[in-house]
Protein backbone atom coordinates (compact mmCIF):
# COMPACT_ATOMS: atom_id res chain seq x y z
CA MET A 1 18.19 -40.51 31.20
CA LYS A 2 16.30 -43.09 33.26
CA ARG A 3 12.55 -42.47 33.68
CA VAL A 4 11.08 -43.55 37.03
CA GLY A 5 7.45 -43.91 38.08
CA PHE A 6 6.09 -44.86 41.50
CA LEU A 7 2.81 -45.00 43.43
CA LEU A 8 1.88 -44.02 46.97
CA LYS A 9 -1.48 -43.49 48.69
CA VAL A 10 -2.38 -40.23 50.45
CA LYS A 11 -5.04 -40.52 53.15
CA GLU A 12 -8.28 -39.15 51.73
CA ASP A 13 -8.92 -36.90 54.73
CA ARG A 14 -5.43 -35.32 54.33
CA ILE A 15 -5.45 -34.64 50.57
CA GLU A 16 -6.05 -30.87 50.77
CA GLU A 17 -3.29 -30.40 53.37
CA TYR A 18 -0.95 -32.52 51.27
CA ARG A 19 -1.64 -30.34 48.23
CA LYS A 20 -0.99 -27.16 50.22
CA HIS A 21 2.42 -28.42 51.37
CA HIS A 22 3.39 -28.87 47.73
CA GLU A 23 2.30 -25.39 46.65
CA ALA A 24 5.36 -23.92 48.37
CA LEU A 25 7.95 -26.65 48.70
CA TRP A 26 10.94 -25.69 50.82
CA PRO A 27 13.70 -24.15 48.65
CA GLU A 28 16.34 -26.30 50.38
CA MET A 29 14.32 -29.42 49.51
CA LEU A 30 14.14 -28.38 45.86
CA ASP A 31 17.90 -27.79 45.88
CA ALA A 32 18.54 -31.22 47.40
CA LEU A 33 16.36 -32.94 44.79
CA ARG A 34 18.21 -31.23 41.96
CA ARG A 35 21.61 -31.87 43.54
CA THR A 36 20.89 -35.60 43.90
CA GLY A 37 19.76 -36.08 40.31
CA TRP A 38 15.97 -35.74 40.39
CA HIS A 39 14.93 -34.04 37.13
CA ASN A 40 11.53 -33.33 35.62
CA TYR A 41 9.95 -34.48 38.90
CA SER A 42 6.15 -34.44 38.98
CA LEU A 43 3.45 -35.70 41.32
CA PHE A 44 -0.08 -36.48 40.15
CA LEU A 45 -2.86 -36.96 42.71
CA ARG A 46 -6.23 -38.61 42.15
CA ASP A 47 -9.30 -37.58 44.20
CA ASP A 48 -9.15 -40.86 46.16
CA GLY A 49 -5.54 -40.19 47.22
CA LEU A 50 -3.70 -42.35 44.71
CA LEU A 51 -0.43 -40.54 44.03
CA PHE A 52 1.68 -41.17 40.95
CA GLY A 53 5.20 -39.79 40.96
CA TYR A 54 7.49 -39.43 37.98
CA PHE A 55 11.04 -38.20 37.60
CA GLU A 56 14.09 -38.64 35.41
CA THR A 57 17.58 -39.35 36.66
CA LEU A 58 21.00 -39.96 35.14
CA GLU A 59 21.71 -42.88 37.45
CA SER A 60 19.27 -45.39 38.88
CA PHE A 61 16.16 -45.06 41.02
CA GLN A 62 18.11 -46.44 43.98
CA THR A 63 20.99 -44.00 43.46
CA ALA A 64 18.53 -41.09 43.46
CA LEU A 65 16.88 -42.39 46.65
CA ASP A 66 20.27 -42.95 48.31
CA GLY A 67 21.35 -39.42 47.44
CA MET A 68 18.28 -37.94 49.09
CA ALA A 69 18.71 -40.20 52.13
CA ASP A 70 22.00 -38.38 52.80
CA GLU A 71 20.28 -34.96 52.79
CA GLU A 72 19.32 -33.57 56.20
CA VAL A 73 16.40 -31.63 54.71
CA ASN A 74 14.95 -34.87 53.36
CA ALA A 75 14.70 -36.37 56.86
CA ARG A 76 12.75 -33.30 58.03
CA TRP A 77 10.48 -33.39 54.98
CA GLN A 78 9.82 -37.13 55.32
CA ASP A 79 8.96 -36.69 59.01
CA LEU A 80 6.49 -33.93 58.08
CA MET A 81 4.90 -35.95 55.27
CA ALA A 82 4.69 -39.38 57.00
CA PRO A 83 1.23 -38.80 58.56
CA TYR A 84 -0.27 -38.07 55.13
CA PHE A 85 0.30 -41.56 53.68
CA GLU A 86 -1.50 -44.88 54.03
CA GLY A 87 0.23 -48.23 54.40
CA LEU A 88 3.74 -47.17 55.31
CA ASP A 89 3.88 -49.23 58.53
CA GLY A 90 6.03 -46.63 60.27
CA ALA A 91 8.39 -46.08 57.32
CA HIS A 92 8.88 -42.84 55.43
CA ALA A 93 7.32 -42.47 51.99
CA ASP A 94 10.72 -42.46 50.28
CA GLU A 95 11.51 -45.80 51.94
CA SER A 96 8.26 -47.25 50.58
CA MET A 97 8.50 -46.20 46.95
CA ALA A 98 8.54 -49.15 44.60
CA GLU A 99 9.63 -48.44 41.05
CA LEU A 100 7.01 -49.18 38.41
CA GLU A 101 8.11 -51.07 35.32
CA GLU A 102 8.11 -48.92 32.20
CA VAL A 103 6.34 -50.88 29.50
CA PHE A 104 6.06 -48.18 26.81
CA HIS A 105 7.60 -44.82 25.97
CA LEU A 106 6.88 -42.67 22.92
CA ASP A 107 9.97 -40.71 21.89
């Protein structure tokens, strides 16, 4: 299993709305994530909007991203979420995720 971590930045004035969207994620989005190999997926949000994401996948980070890119529900979700993020320069959040290097893991 490959562990993946990434960072994004939620606009501070949109944090509460962003949280609310994740309280009841669309069932078809959850199904697409599972189908494309996203396991143990978690998002952690700091009060200033710094967002840390973590998930595990059998393949690579890029394979997991590519799988979601082929899902119609992902395009709708990314369109909905785009206004919540800083620094995307017109891209979707999933196009702006940069994998963090894992430097330690305690088994």
